[in-house]
Amino acid sequence: MIHPSAVISEHAQIASNVEIGPFCYVGDNVQIGEGSILKSHVVVKGHTKIGKNNQFFQFCSIGEDCQDKKYAGETTYLEIGDDNVFRESCTIHRGTTQDKSLTKIGNRNLCMVNAHLAHDCMVGSDNILANNVAVAGHVHIGDFVILGGMSAVHQFCHIGSHAFTGGGAIVLRDIPPFVMVSGLKHIPQGINSEGLKRRGFSSDDINMVKKAYKILYRQGNTFDEATQKIKELSQEHNVLTVMSEFLQSATRGIIR
């Protein structure tokens, strides 16, 4: 299950059925769960904990020191859940002590070729990061988010669950749940209704999300006014709870 050309630290904790291909490197403080596969030329370093049934394609760099000049060699961590796929040349960095010392990724995510997740990112589950997506430090991503190819996300931004960015989007402020964003001007373009249909949302729930979108973007409300109206709606319509909570906690301002 481990290719003879792979370099594996004797201190690494590796489940018995993990597959490690040629020319991989696994460092001292790495844990890899059952059923995970490192195809070839994969590097896993640092205090990195990997769950079950993850796949890492060639030339992935996982758990490396972060690209932050404040980083001074402190012990920091990366945690990856189960059933994720990281295609060729993905890079994921550990956290920093300036945040929670942790980069964390949930379950069933797909990171396509050359996707980058920087230090201290918090990523939920069932997300897709298309080719060449670049996510800066301290970014929070919910669940079922799709980031189109070559999207770039500014540090500290939050992206709500079920949001969608078109190819080449430049994200400089928070994206509320359900909202679609187009390219360079990061302009809101409605809700991700097709994605919601695929995930089993009812017509009534989708219509309620559309109503909340109009309150936020189409009726001339200030941000505070829209936040209050959506909060009131969410008390009767649970589908809006995630949006209401997101708006109330937004600190960078949202795309408008």
C-alpha atoms as a PDB file:
ATOM      1  CA  MET A   1       0.000   0.000   0.000  1.00  0.00           C
ATOM      2  CA  ILE A   2       3.062   2.278   0.373  1.00  0.00           C
ATOM      3  CA  HIS A   3       5.359   2.693  -2.628  1.00  0.00           C
ATOM      4  CA  PRO A   4       9.041   2.057  -1.829  1.00  0.00           C
ATOM      5  CA  SER A   5      10.028   5.486  -3.163  1.00  0.00           C
ATOM      6  CA  ALA A   6       7.760   7.294  -0.682  1.00  0.00           C
ATOM      7  CA  VAL A   7       9.411   8.943   2.351  1.00  0.00           C
ATOM      8  CA  ILE A   8       7.301   8.381   5.475  1.00  0.00           C
ATOM      9  CA  SER A   9       8.255   9.573   8.948  1.00  0.00           C
ATOM     10  CA  GLU A  10       8.312   6.823  11.552  1.00  0.00           C
ATOM     11  CA  HIS A  11       6.344   9.194  13.792  1.00  0.00           C
ATOM     12  CA  ALA A  12       3.466   9.668  11.344  1.00  0.00           C
ATOM     13  CA  GLN A  13       0.200   7.924  12.231  1.00  0.00           C
ATOM     14  CA  ILE A  14      -1.143   6.209   9.146  1.00  0.00           C
ATOM     15  CA  ALA A  15      -4.101   3.824   9.016  1.00  0.00           C
ATOM     16  CA  SER A  16      -3.310   0.353   7.741  1.00  0.00           C
ATOM     17  CA  ASN A  17      -5.231   0.643   4.459  1.00  0.00           C
ATOM     18  CA  VAL A  18      -3.955   4.056   3.349  1.00  0.00           C
ATOM     19  CA  GLU A  19      -2.416   4.074  -0.144  1.00  0.00           C
ATOM     20  CA  ILE A  20       0.707   6.193  -0.636  1.00  0.00           C
ATOM     21  CA  GLY A  21       2.087   6.346  -4.159  1.00  0.00           C
ATOM     22  CA  PRO A  22       5.548   7.017  -5.552  1.00  0.00           C
ATOM     23  CA  PHE A  23       7.671   9.947  -4.393  1.00  0.00           C
ATOM     24  CA  CYS A  24       5.287  11.129  -1.683  1.00  0.00           C
ATOM     25  CA  TYR A  25       6.526  12.696   1.564  1.00  0.00           C
ATOM     26  CA  VAL A  26       4.706  12.420   4.913  1.00  0.00           C
ATOM     27  CA  GLY A  27       6.118  14.312   7.903  1.00  0.00           C
ATOM     28  CA  ASP A  28       6.451  13.631  11.622  1.00  0.00           C
ATOM     29  CA  ASN A  29       3.184  15.004  12.979  1.00  0.00           C
ATOM     30  CA  VAL A  30       0.826  13.825  10.261  1.00  0.00           C
ATOM     31  CA  GLN A  31      -2.219  11.629  10.862  1.00  0.00           C
ATOM     32  CA  ILE A  32      -3.971   9.988   7.903  1.00  0.00           C
ATOM     33  CA  GLY A  33      -7.258   8.140   8.322  1.00  0.00           C
ATOM     34  CA  GLU A  34      -8.569   4.936   6.780  1.00  0.00           C
ATOM     35  CA  GLY A  35      -9.063   4.624   3.045  1.00  0.00           C
ATOM     36  CA  SER A  36      -7.207   7.801   2.102  1.00  0.00           C
ATOM     37  CA  ILE A  37      -5.059   7.848  -1.032  1.00  0.00           C
ATOM     38  CA  LEU A  38      -1.976   9.896  -1.908  1.00  0.00           C
ATOM     39  CA  LYS A  39      -1.570   9.310  -5.645  1.00  0.00           C
ATOM     40  CA  SER A  40       2.041  10.416  -6.207  1.00  0.00           C
ATOM     41  CA  HIS A  41       4.425  13.308  -5.466  1.00  0.00           C
ATOM     42  CA  VAL A  42       2.172  14.487  -2.623  1.00  0.00           C
ATOM     43  CA  VAL A  43       3.721  16.343   0.332  1.00  0.00           C
ATOM     44  CA  VAL A  44       1.960  16.331   3.722  1.00  0.00           C
ATOM     45  CA  LYS A  45       3.686  18.222   6.538  1.00  0.00           C
ATOM     46  CA  GLY A  46       3.168  19.906   9.902  1.00  0.00           C
ATOM     47  CA  HIS A  47       0.569  19.049  12.509  1.00  0.00           C
ATOM     48  CA  THR A  48      -1.912  17.819   9.930  1.00  0.00           C
ATOM     49  CA  LYS A  49      -4.830  15.523  10.674  1.00  0.00           C
ATOM     50  CA  ILE A  50      -6.564  13.919   7.689  1.00  0.00           C
ATOM     51  CA  GLY A  51      -9.790  11.940   8.034  1.00  0.00           C
ATOM     52  CA  LYS A  52     -11.110   8.963   6.092  1.00  0.00           C
ATOM     53  CA  ASN A  53     -11.376   8.320   2.353  1.00  0.00           C
ATOM     54  CA  ASN A  54      -9.665  11.452   1.106  1.00  0.00           C
ATOM     55  CA  GLN A  55      -7.896  11.530  -2.247  1.00  0.00           C
ATOM     56  CA  PHE A  56      -4.855  13.681  -3.029  1.00  0.00           C
ATOM     57  CA  PHE A  57      -3.697  13.792  -6.622  1.00  0.00           C
ATOM     58  CA  GLN A  58      -0.147  14.440  -7.769  1.00  0.00           C
ATOM     59  CA  PHE A  59       1.842  17.456  -6.576  1.00  0.00           C
ATOM     60  CA  CYS A  60      -0.531  18.486  -3.786  1.00  0.00           C
ATOM     61  CA  SER A  61       1.153  20.357  -0.917  1.00  0.00           C
ATOM     62  CA  ILE A  62      -0.825  19.857   2.290  1.00  0.00           C
ATOM     63  CA  GLY A  63      -0.080  21.383   5.706  1.00  0.00           C
ATOM     64  CA  GLU A  64       2.864  23.534   4.704  1.00  0.00           C
ATOM     65  CA  ASP A  65       3.942  26.664   6.622  1.00  0.00           C
ATOM     66  CA  CYS A  66       1.745  29.634   5.766  1.00  0.00           C
ATOM     67  CA  GLN A  67       2.701  32.542   3.506  1.00  0.00           C
ATOM     68  CA  ASP A  68       2.412  35.127   6.270  1.00  0.00           C
ATOM     69  CA  LYS A  69       5.432  37.197   7.268  1.00  0.00           C
ATOM     70  CA  LYS A  70       4.219  37.222  10.873  1.00  0.00           C
ATOM     71  CA  TYR A  71       4.581  33.441  11.035  1.00  0.00           C
ATOM     72  CA  ALA A  72       7.633  32.609  13.161  1.00  0.00           C
ATOM     73  CA  GLY A  73       7.581  28.822  13.252  1.00  0.00           C
ATOM     74  CA  GLU A  74       4.881  28.408  15.907  1.00  0.00           C
ATOM     75  CA  THR A  75       3.046  25.092  16.190  1.00  0.00           C
ATOM     76  CA  THR A  76      -0.114  25.408  14.143  1.00  0.00           C
ATOM     77  CA  TYR A  77      -2.592  22.932  12.711  1.00  0.00           C
ATOM     78  CA  LEU A  78      -4.537  21.710   9.701  1.00  0.00           C
ATOM     79  CA  GLU A  79      -7.592  19.461   9.999  1.00  0.00           C
ATOM     80  CA  ILE A  80      -9.267  17.801   7.019  1.00  0.00           C
ATOM     81  CA  GLY A  81     -12.482  15.778   7.350  1.00  0.00           C
ATOM     82  CA  ASP A  82     -13.671  12.811   5.286  1.00  0.00           C
ATOM     83  CA  ASP A  83     -14.347  12.036   1.608  1.00  0.00           C
ATOM     84  CA  ASN A  84     -12.639  15.093   0.145  1.00  0.00           C
ATOM     85  CA  VAL A  85     -10.926  15.174  -3.257  1.00  0.00           C
ATOM     86  CA  PHE A  86      -7.922  17.408  -3.923  1.00  0.00           C
ATOM     87  CA  ARG A  87      -6.901  17.392  -7.558  1.00  0.00           C
ATOM     88  CA  GLU A  88      -3.488  18.144  -9.015  1.00  0.00           C
ATOM     89  CA  SER A  89      -1.300  20.809  -7.381  1.00  0.00           C
ATOM     90  CA  CYS A  90      -3.708  21.918  -4.647  1.00  0.00           C
ATOM     91  CA  THR A  91      -2.087  23.791  -1.762  1.00  0.00           C
ATOM     92  CA  ILE A  92      -3.420  24.096   1.786  1.00  0.00           C
ATOM     93  CA  HIS A  93      -1.570  25.895   4.576  1.00  0.00           C
ATOM     94  CA  ARG A  94      -1.794  25.549   8.341  1.00  0.00           C
ATOM     95  CA  GLY A  95      -3.148  28.286  10.624  1.00  0.00           C
ATOM     96  CA  THR A  96      -1.438  31.104  12.505  1.00  0.00           C
ATOM     97  CA  THR A  97      -1.353  32.093  16.142  1.00  0.00           C
ATOM     98  CA  GLN A  98      -2.862  35.454  15.168  1.00  0.00           C
ATOM     99  CA  ASP A  99      -6.139  33.567  14.619  1.00  0.00           C
ATOM    100  CA  LYS A 100      -6.978  30.138  16.083  1.00  0.00           C
ATOM    101  CA  SER A 101      -3.793  28.395  14.896  1.00  0.00           C
ATOM    102  CA  LEU A 102      -6.024  26.224  12.719  1.00  0.00           C
ATOM    103  CA  THR A 103      -7.046  25.755   9.103  1.00  0.00           C
ATOM    104  CA  LYS A 104     -10.049  23.438   8.929  1.00  0.00           C
ATOM    105  CA  ILE A 105     -11.839  21.712   6.058  1.00  0.00           C
ATOM    106  CA  GLY A 106     -15.033  19.673   6.396  1.00  0.00           C
ATOM    107  CA  ASN A 107     -16.307  16.728   4.379  1.00  0.00           C
ATOM    108  CA  ARG A 108     -17.034  15.880   0.731  1.00  0.00           C
ATOM    109  CA  ASN A 109     -15.364  18.942  -0.746  1.00  0.00           C
ATOM    110  CA  LEU A 110     -13.873  18.984  -4.248  1.00  0.00           C
ATOM    111  CA  CYS A 111     -10.842  21.185  -4.805  1.00  0.00           C
ATOM    112  CA  MET A 112      -9.970  21.164  -8.492  1.00  0.00           C
ATOM    113  CA  VAL A 113      -6.579  21.683 -10.121  1.00  0.00           C
ATOM    114  CA  ASN A 114      -4.318  24.296  -8.508  1.00  0.00           C
ATOM    115  CA  ALA A 115      -6.836  25.493  -5.898  1.00  0.00           C
ATOM    116  CA  HIS A 116      -5.274  27.261  -2.899  1.00  0.00           C
ATOM    117  CA  LEU A 117      -6.614  27.550   0.653  1.00  0.00           C
ATOM    118  CA  ALA A 118      -4.500  29.860   2.777  1.00  0.00           C
ATOM    119  CA  HIS A 119      -3.848  29.921   6.520  1.00  0.00           C
ATOM    120  CA  ASP A 120      -6.731  30.013   8.998  1.00  0.00           C
ATOM    121  CA  CYS A 121      -9.446  29.288   6.435  1.00  0.00           C
ATOM    122  CA  MET A 122     -12.562  27.584   7.764  1.00  0.00           C
ATOM    123  CA  VAL A 123     -14.326  25.568   5.075  1.00  0.00           C
ATOM    124  CA  GLY A 124     -17.553  23.621   5.572  1.00  0.00           C
ATOM    125  CA  SER A 125     -18.754  20.622   3.593  1.00  0.00           C
ATOM    126  CA  ASP A 126     -19.938  19.786   0.063  1.00  0.00           C
ATOM    127  CA  ASN A 127     -18.170  22.748  -1.544  1.00  0.00           C
ATOM    128  CA  ILE A 128     -16.564  22.958  -4.982  1.00  0.00           C
ATOM    129  CA  LEU A 129     -13.500  25.094  -5.666  1.00  0.00           C
ATOM    130  CA  ALA A 130     -12.900  25.031  -9.408  1.00  0.00           C
ATOM    131  CA  ASN A 131      -9.537  25.276 -11.163  1.00  0.00           C
ATOM    132  CA  ASN A 132      -7.153  27.994  -9.957  1.00  0.00           C
ATOM    133  CA  VAL A 133      -9.387  29.320  -7.184  1.00  0.00           C
ATOM    134  CA  ALA A 134      -7.337  31.367  -4.706  1.00  0.00           C
ATOM    135  CA  VAL A 135      -8.684  31.802  -1.183  1.00  0.00           C
ATOM    136  CA  ALA A 136      -6.717  34.154   1.075  1.00  0.00           C
ATOM    137  CA  GLY A 137      -6.171  33.843   4.810  1.00  0.00           C
ATOM    138  CA  HIS A 138      -8.893  33.826   7.471  1.00  0.00           C
ATOM    139  CA  VAL A 139     -11.707  33.261   4.951  1.00  0.00           C
ATOM    140  CA  HIS A 140     -14.810  31.379   6.127  1.00  0.00           C
ATOM    141  CA  ILE A 141     -16.804  29.326   3.608  1.00  0.00           C
ATOM    142  CA  GLY A 142     -20.102  27.665   4.480  1.00  0.00           C
ATOM    143  CA  ASP A 143     -21.603  24.534   2.892  1.00  0.00           C
ATOM    144  CA  PHE A 144     -22.574  23.800  -0.730  1.00  0.00           C
ATOM    145  CA  VAL A 145     -20.640  26.821  -2.021  1.00  0.00           C
ATOM    146  CA  ILE A 146     -19.335  26.816  -5.601  1.00  0.00           C
ATOM    147  CA  LEU A 147     -16.395  29.073  -6.483  1.00  0.00           C
ATOM    148  CA  GLY A 148     -15.981  29.306 -10.259  1.00  0.00           C
ATOM    149  CA  GLY A 149     -12.622  28.899 -11.956  1.00  0.00           C
ATOM    150  CA  MET A 150      -9.998  31.548 -11.143  1.00  0.00           C
ATOM    151  CA  SER A 151     -12.141  33.188  -8.469  1.00  0.00           C
ATOM    152  CA  ALA A 152     -10.110  35.094  -5.878  1.00  0.00           C
ATOM    153  CA  VAL A 153     -11.332  35.709  -2.330  1.00  0.00           C
ATOM    154  CA  HIS A 154      -9.874  38.530  -0.215  1.00  0.00           C
ATOM    155  CA  GLN A 155      -8.657  37.747   3.293  1.00  0.00           C
ATOM    156  CA  PHE A 156     -11.212  37.731   6.133  1.00  0.00           C
ATOM    157  CA  CYS A 157     -14.197  37.480   3.775  1.00  0.00           C
ATOM    158  CA  HIS A 158     -17.094  35.200   4.675  1.00  0.00           C
ATOM    159  CA  ILE A 159     -19.048  33.287   2.027  1.00  0.00           C
ATOM    160  CA  GLY A 160     -22.431  31.964   3.077  1.00  0.00           C
ATOM    161  CA  SER A 161     -23.821  28.500   2.351  1.00  0.00           C
ATOM    162  CA  HIS A 162     -25.210  27.825  -1.152  1.00  0.00           C
ATOM    163  CA  ALA A 163     -23.496  30.914  -2.610  1.00  0.00           C
ATOM    164  CA  PHE A 164     -22.030  30.797  -6.124  1.00  0.00           C
ATOM    165  CA  THR A 165     -19.334  32.836  -7.864  1.00  0.00           C
ATOM    166  CA  GLY A 166     -18.862  32.959 -11.620  1.00  0.00           C
ATOM    167  CA  GLY A 167     -15.488  32.355 -13.219  1.00  0.00           C
ATOM    168  CA  GLY A 168     -12.912  35.015 -12.452  1.00  0.00           C
ATOM    169  CA  ALA A 169     -14.915  36.620  -9.647  1.00  0.00           C
ATOM    170  CA  ILE A 170     -12.985  38.963  -7.362  1.00  0.00           C
ATOM    171  CA  VAL A 171     -14.544  38.745  -3.888  1.00  0.00           C
ATOM    172  CA  LEU A 172     -13.673  41.741  -1.709  1.00  0.00           C
ATOM    173  CA  ARG A 173     -16.612  41.648   0.720  1.00  0.00           C
ATOM    174  CA  ASP A 174     -18.853  39.000   2.277  1.00  0.00           C
ATOM    175  CA  ILE A 175     -21.283  37.054   0.089  1.00  0.00           C
ATOM    176  CA  PRO A 176     -24.575  36.223   1.838  1.00  0.00           C
ATOM    177  CA  PRO A 177     -26.005  32.695   1.647  1.00  0.00           C
ATOM    178  CA  PHE A 178     -27.792  31.719  -1.602  1.00  0.00           C
ATOM    179  CA  VAL A 179     -26.415  34.698  -3.580  1.00  0.00           C
ATOM    180  CA  MET A 180     -24.753  34.419  -7.013  1.00  0.00           C
ATOM    181  CA  VAL A 181     -21.901  36.772  -7.918  1.00  0.00           C
ATOM    182  CA  SER A 182     -20.547  37.608 -11.371  1.00  0.00           C
ATOM    183  CA  GLY A 183     -16.992  38.358 -12.464  1.00  0.00           C
ATOM    184  CA  LEU A 184     -14.657  41.261 -11.874  1.00  0.00           C
ATOM    185  CA  LYS A 185     -17.152  43.707 -10.385  1.00  0.00           C
ATOM    186  CA  HIS A 186     -18.521  41.068  -7.979  1.00  0.00           C
ATOM    187  CA  ILE A 187     -22.088  42.180  -8.754  1.00  0.00           C
ATOM    188  CA  PRO A 188     -24.980  40.224  -7.163  1.00  0.00           C
ATOM    189  CA  GLN A 189     -26.862  38.342  -9.881  1.00  0.00           C
ATOM    190  CA  GLY A 190     -29.813  36.797  -8.037  1.00  0.00           C
ATOM    191  CA  ILE A 191     -29.919  33.620  -5.999  1.00  0.00           C
ATOM    192  CA  ASN A 192     -28.446  30.219  -6.753  1.00  0.00           C
ATOM    193  CA  SER A 193     -31.902  28.766  -7.472  1.00  0.00           C
ATOM    194  CA  GLU A 194     -30.671  25.917  -9.668  1.00  0.00           C
ATOM    195  CA  GLY A 195     -28.331  24.745  -6.942  1.00  0.00           C
ATOM    196  CA  LEU A 196     -31.136  24.896  -4.388  1.00  0.00           C
ATOM    197  CA  LYS A 197     -33.411  22.795  -6.625  1.00  0.00           C
ATOM    198  CA  ARG A 198     -30.705  20.156  -6.975  1.00  0.00           C
ATOM    199  CA  ARG A 199     -30.346  20.028  -3.193  1.00  0.00           C
ATOM    200  CA  GLY A 200     -34.044  19.417  -2.621  1.00  0.00           C
ATOM    201  CA  PHE A 201     -35.231  22.858  -1.528  1.00  0.00           C
ATOM    202  CA  SER A 202     -38.990  23.240  -2.006  1.00  0.00           C
ATOM    203  CA  SER A 203     -40.512  25.828  -4.358  1.00  0.00           C
ATOM    204  CA  ASP A 204     -41.888  27.695  -1.349  1.00  0.00           C
ATOM    205  CA  ASP A 205     -38.470  27.862   0.278  1.00  0.00           C
ATOM    206  CA  ILE A 206     -36.829  29.054  -2.943  1.00  0.00           C
ATOM    207  CA  ASN A 207     -39.480  31.730  -3.358  1.00  0.00           C
ATOM    208  CA  MET A 208     -38.865  32.883   0.205  1.00  0.00           C
ATOM    209  CA  VAL A 209     -35.127  33.129  -0.499  1.00  0.00           C
ATOM    210  CA  LYS A 210     -35.950  35.210  -3.586  1.00  0.00           C
ATOM    211  CA  LYS A 211     -38.082  37.477  -1.414  1.00  0.00           C
ATOM    212  CA  ALA A 212     -35.187  37.953   1.014  1.00  0.00           C
ATOM    213  CA  TYR A 213     -32.872  38.715  -1.914  1.00  0.00           C
ATOM    214  CA  LYS A 214     -35.224  41.442  -3.128  1.00  0.00           C
ATOM    215  CA  ILE A 215     -35.337  42.933   0.358  1.00  0.00           C
ATOM    216  CA  LEU A 216     -31.553  42.979   0.455  1.00  0.00           C
ATOM    217  CA  TYR A 217     -30.809  44.161  -3.078  1.00  0.00           C
ATOM    218  CA  ARG A 218     -33.866  45.429  -4.942  1.00  0.00           C
ATOM    219  CA  GLN A 219     -36.060  47.504  -2.629  1.00  0.00           C
ATOM    220  CA  GLY A 220     -33.738  50.344  -1.670  1.00  0.00           C
ATOM    221  CA  ASN A 221     -33.369  49.243   1.943  1.00  0.00           C
ATOM    222  CA  THR A 222     -30.264  50.145   3.880  1.00  0.00           C
ATOM    223  CA  PHE A 223     -28.212  47.182   5.071  1.00  0.00           C
ATOM    224  CA  ASP A 224     -29.555  47.550   8.609  1.00  0.00           C
ATOM    225  CA  GLU A 225     -33.144  47.796   7.386  1.00  0.00           C
ATOM    226  CA  ALA A 226     -32.784  44.733   5.189  1.00  0.00           C
ATOM    227  CA  THR A 227     -31.106  42.776   7.988  1.00  0.00           C
ATOM    228  CA  GLN A 228     -33.966  43.535  10.365  1.00  0.00           C
ATOM    229  CA  LYS A 229     -36.660  42.614   7.817  1.00  0.00           C
ATOM    230  CA  ILE A 230     -34.970  39.324   6.958  1.00  0.00           C
ATOM    231  CA  LYS A 231     -34.519  38.579  10.663  1.00  0.00           C
ATOM    232  CA  GLU A 232     -38.269  39.019  11.162  1.00  0.00           C
ATOM    233  CA  LEU A 233     -39.050  36.796   8.159  1.00  0.00           C
ATOM    234  CA  SER A 234     -36.694  34.102   9.409  1.00  0.00           C
ATOM    235  CA  GLN A 235     -38.757  33.717  12.566  1.00  0.00           C
ATOM    236  CA  GLU A 236     -41.555  32.287  10.419  1.00  0.00           C
ATOM    237  CA  HIS A 237     -39.473  30.740   7.622  1.00  0.00           C
ATOM    238  CA  ASN A 238     -36.571  28.595   8.810  1.00  0.00           C
ATOM    239  CA  VAL A 239     -34.943  28.553   5.378  1.00  0.00           C
ATOM    240  CA  LEU A 240     -33.867  32.172   5.991  1.00  0.00           C
ATOM    241  CA  THR A 241     -32.204  31.497   9.339  1.00  0.00           C
ATOM    242  CA  VAL A 242     -28.778  30.963   7.767  1.00  0.00           C
ATOM    243  CA  MET A 243     -29.050  34.230   5.833  1.00  0.00           C
ATOM    244  CA  SER A 244     -30.323  36.182   8.835  1.00  0.00           C
ATOM    245  CA  GLU A 245     -27.514  34.943  11.074  1.00  0.00           C
ATOM    246  CA  PHE A 246     -24.947  35.640   8.368  1.00  0.00           C
ATOM    247  CA  LEU A 247     -26.090  39.244   7.895  1.00  0.00           C
ATOM    248  CA  GLN A 248     -26.121  39.905  11.623  1.00  0.00           C
ATOM    249  CA  SER A 249     -22.540  38.672  11.982  1.00  0.00           C
ATOM    250  CA  ALA A 250     -21.073  40.336   8.856  1.00  0.00           C
ATOM    251  CA  THR A 251     -18.092  42.518   9.750  1.00  0.00           C
ATOM    252  CA  ARG A 252     -16.555  43.445   6.374  1.00  0.00           C
ATOM    253  CA  GLY A 253     -19.780  44.551   4.728  1.00  0.00           C
ATOM    254  CA  ILE A 254     -21.467  42.482   2.039  1.00  0.00           C
ATOM    255  CA  ILE A 255     -21.431  42.776  -1.727  1.00  0.00           C
ATOM    256  CA  ARG A 256     -24.045  45.348  -2.788  1.00  0.00           C
END
